[in-house]
Protein backbone atom coordinates (compact mmCIF):
# COMPACT_ATOMS: atom_id res chain seq x y z
CA MET A 1 124.10 8.53 81.35
CA LYS A 2 121.36 10.17 83.38
CA ARG A 3 122.19 11.50 86.85
CA VAL A 4 119.36 11.69 89.39
CA GLY A 5 119.18 13.55 92.71
CA ALA A 6 116.23 13.55 95.09
CA ILE A 7 115.42 14.55 98.67
CA LEU A 8 113.14 13.16 101.35
CA GLY A 9 112.63 13.76 105.04
CA LEU A 10 113.44 11.21 107.72
CA LYS A 11 111.77 11.04 111.13
CA PRO A 12 114.45 11.80 113.74
CA GLU A 13 113.61 8.77 115.84
CA ALA A 14 113.94 6.49 112.79
CA TYR A 15 117.55 7.25 111.84
CA GLU A 16 119.16 4.25 113.57
CA GLU A 17 116.71 1.67 112.23
CA TYR A 18 116.69 3.19 108.75
CA SER A 19 120.48 3.11 108.70
CA ARG A 20 120.51 -0.48 109.94
CA TYR A 21 118.31 -1.60 107.02
CA HIS A 22 120.60 0.16 104.56
CA ARG A 23 123.86 -1.24 105.89
CA LYS A 24 122.94 -4.48 104.14
CA ILE A 25 119.96 -4.16 101.82
CA TRP A 26 118.11 -7.29 100.81
CA PRO A 27 119.83 -9.16 97.94
CA GLU A 28 116.65 -9.02 95.83
CA ILE A 29 116.56 -5.23 96.16
CA GLU A 30 120.21 -4.88 95.24
CA ALA A 31 119.71 -7.11 92.19
CA ALA A 32 116.56 -5.25 91.08
CA ILE A 33 118.35 -1.89 91.33
CA ARG A 34 121.19 -3.18 89.14
CA GLU A 35 118.78 -4.78 86.67
CA ALA A 36 116.98 -1.43 86.34
CA GLY A 37 120.25 0.11 85.11
CA ILE A 38 121.00 2.06 88.28
CA THR A 39 124.63 2.49 89.28
CA ASN A 40 126.55 4.65 91.73
CA TYR A 41 123.57 4.80 94.13
CA SER A 42 124.12 6.68 97.39
CA ILE A 43 121.90 8.08 100.12
CA TYR A 44 123.16 10.82 102.44
CA HIS A 45 121.57 12.16 105.62
CA PHE A 46 121.77 15.61 107.23
CA ARG A 47 119.53 16.73 110.08
CA GLY A 48 116.41 14.89 109.00
CA THR A 49 116.88 15.38 105.27
CA MET A 50 118.06 12.58 103.02
CA PHE A 51 119.66 13.15 99.66
CA ALA A 52 119.75 10.28 97.17
CA TYR A 53 121.96 10.21 94.10
CA PHE A 54 122.21 7.60 91.38
CA GLU A 55 123.20 7.23 87.78
CA TYR A 56 121.04 5.51 85.22
CA ALA A 57 123.19 3.65 82.71
CA GLY A 58 120.45 1.87 80.75
CA PRO A 59 119.01 2.83 77.37
CA GLU A 60 117.77 6.43 77.38
CA GLY A 61 114.33 5.60 76.04
CA GLU A 62 113.69 2.95 78.71
CA TYR A 63 114.25 5.02 81.86
CA LYS A 64 110.59 5.57 82.84
CA GLU A 65 109.62 1.99 82.04
CA ARG A 66 112.53 0.56 84.03
CA MET A 67 111.79 2.75 87.04
CA GLN A 68 108.12 1.74 86.95
CA ARG A 69 109.08 -1.94 86.73
CA LEU A 70 111.50 -1.51 89.64
CA ASP A 71 108.90 0.28 91.77
CA SER A 72 106.22 -2.35 91.12
CA ALA A 73 108.35 -5.44 91.88
CA PRO A 74 106.78 -7.34 94.81
CA ARG A 75 109.94 -7.40 96.94
CA MET A 76 110.47 -3.68 96.27
CA GLN A 77 106.90 -2.96 97.36
CA GLU A 78 107.64 -4.84 100.60
CA TRP A 79 110.83 -2.75 101.11
CA TYR A 80 108.92 0.47 100.44
CA GLY A 81 106.28 -0.58 102.98
CA ILE A 82 108.96 -0.77 105.65
CA MET A 83 110.90 2.34 104.61
CA ARG A 84 107.88 4.63 104.30
CA GLN A 85 107.13 4.39 108.01
CA PHE A 86 110.46 6.20 108.60
CA GLN A 87 110.18 8.77 105.83
CA VAL A 88 108.49 12.16 105.49
CA PRO A 89 107.92 13.51 101.97
CA VAL A 90 109.02 17.13 101.53
CA GLU A 91 106.72 20.01 100.66
CA GLY A 92 106.75 21.10 97.05
CA ARG A 93 107.31 17.70 95.46
CA GLN A 94 105.48 16.88 92.24
CA PRO A 95 102.21 14.91 92.38
CA GLY A 96 102.97 11.20 92.57
CA GLU A 97 106.52 11.70 93.84
CA TRP A 98 107.67 10.29 97.17
CA TRP A 99 111.29 11.40 96.86
CA ALA A 100 111.28 14.95 95.46
CA ALA A 101 113.29 15.08 92.24
CA MET A 102 115.98 17.75 92.10
CA GLU A 103 117.31 19.74 89.17
CA GLU A 104 120.99 19.32 88.39
CA VAL A 105 122.61 22.76 88.21
CA PHE A 106 126.26 21.72 87.98
CA HIS A 107 128.31 18.65 87.11
CA GLN A 108 132.00 18.05 86.53
CA ASP A 109 133.60 14.70 85.69
């Protein structure tokens, strides 16, 4: 199992609408996330910073391919188009990243 953490900024005025969208995500998005092998997906918010956490339970060698397929799905592209108007990428992220990937420094089951 691969655990993934990432951060992203959120415009202060967008919190309510962003939260409203996430209270009940579109069924196609939920299905695509599951199909990609993602489980235990959560997004937290604190003072304009969002922290996302998920676990990837699919085959180890397919992670990149599955994430690319998820990101390029038409309905996911539509979702991203809406969400990006609320989001602010953080400084220091890697080229090509929207959410900045974080390094896991501790884990306990």
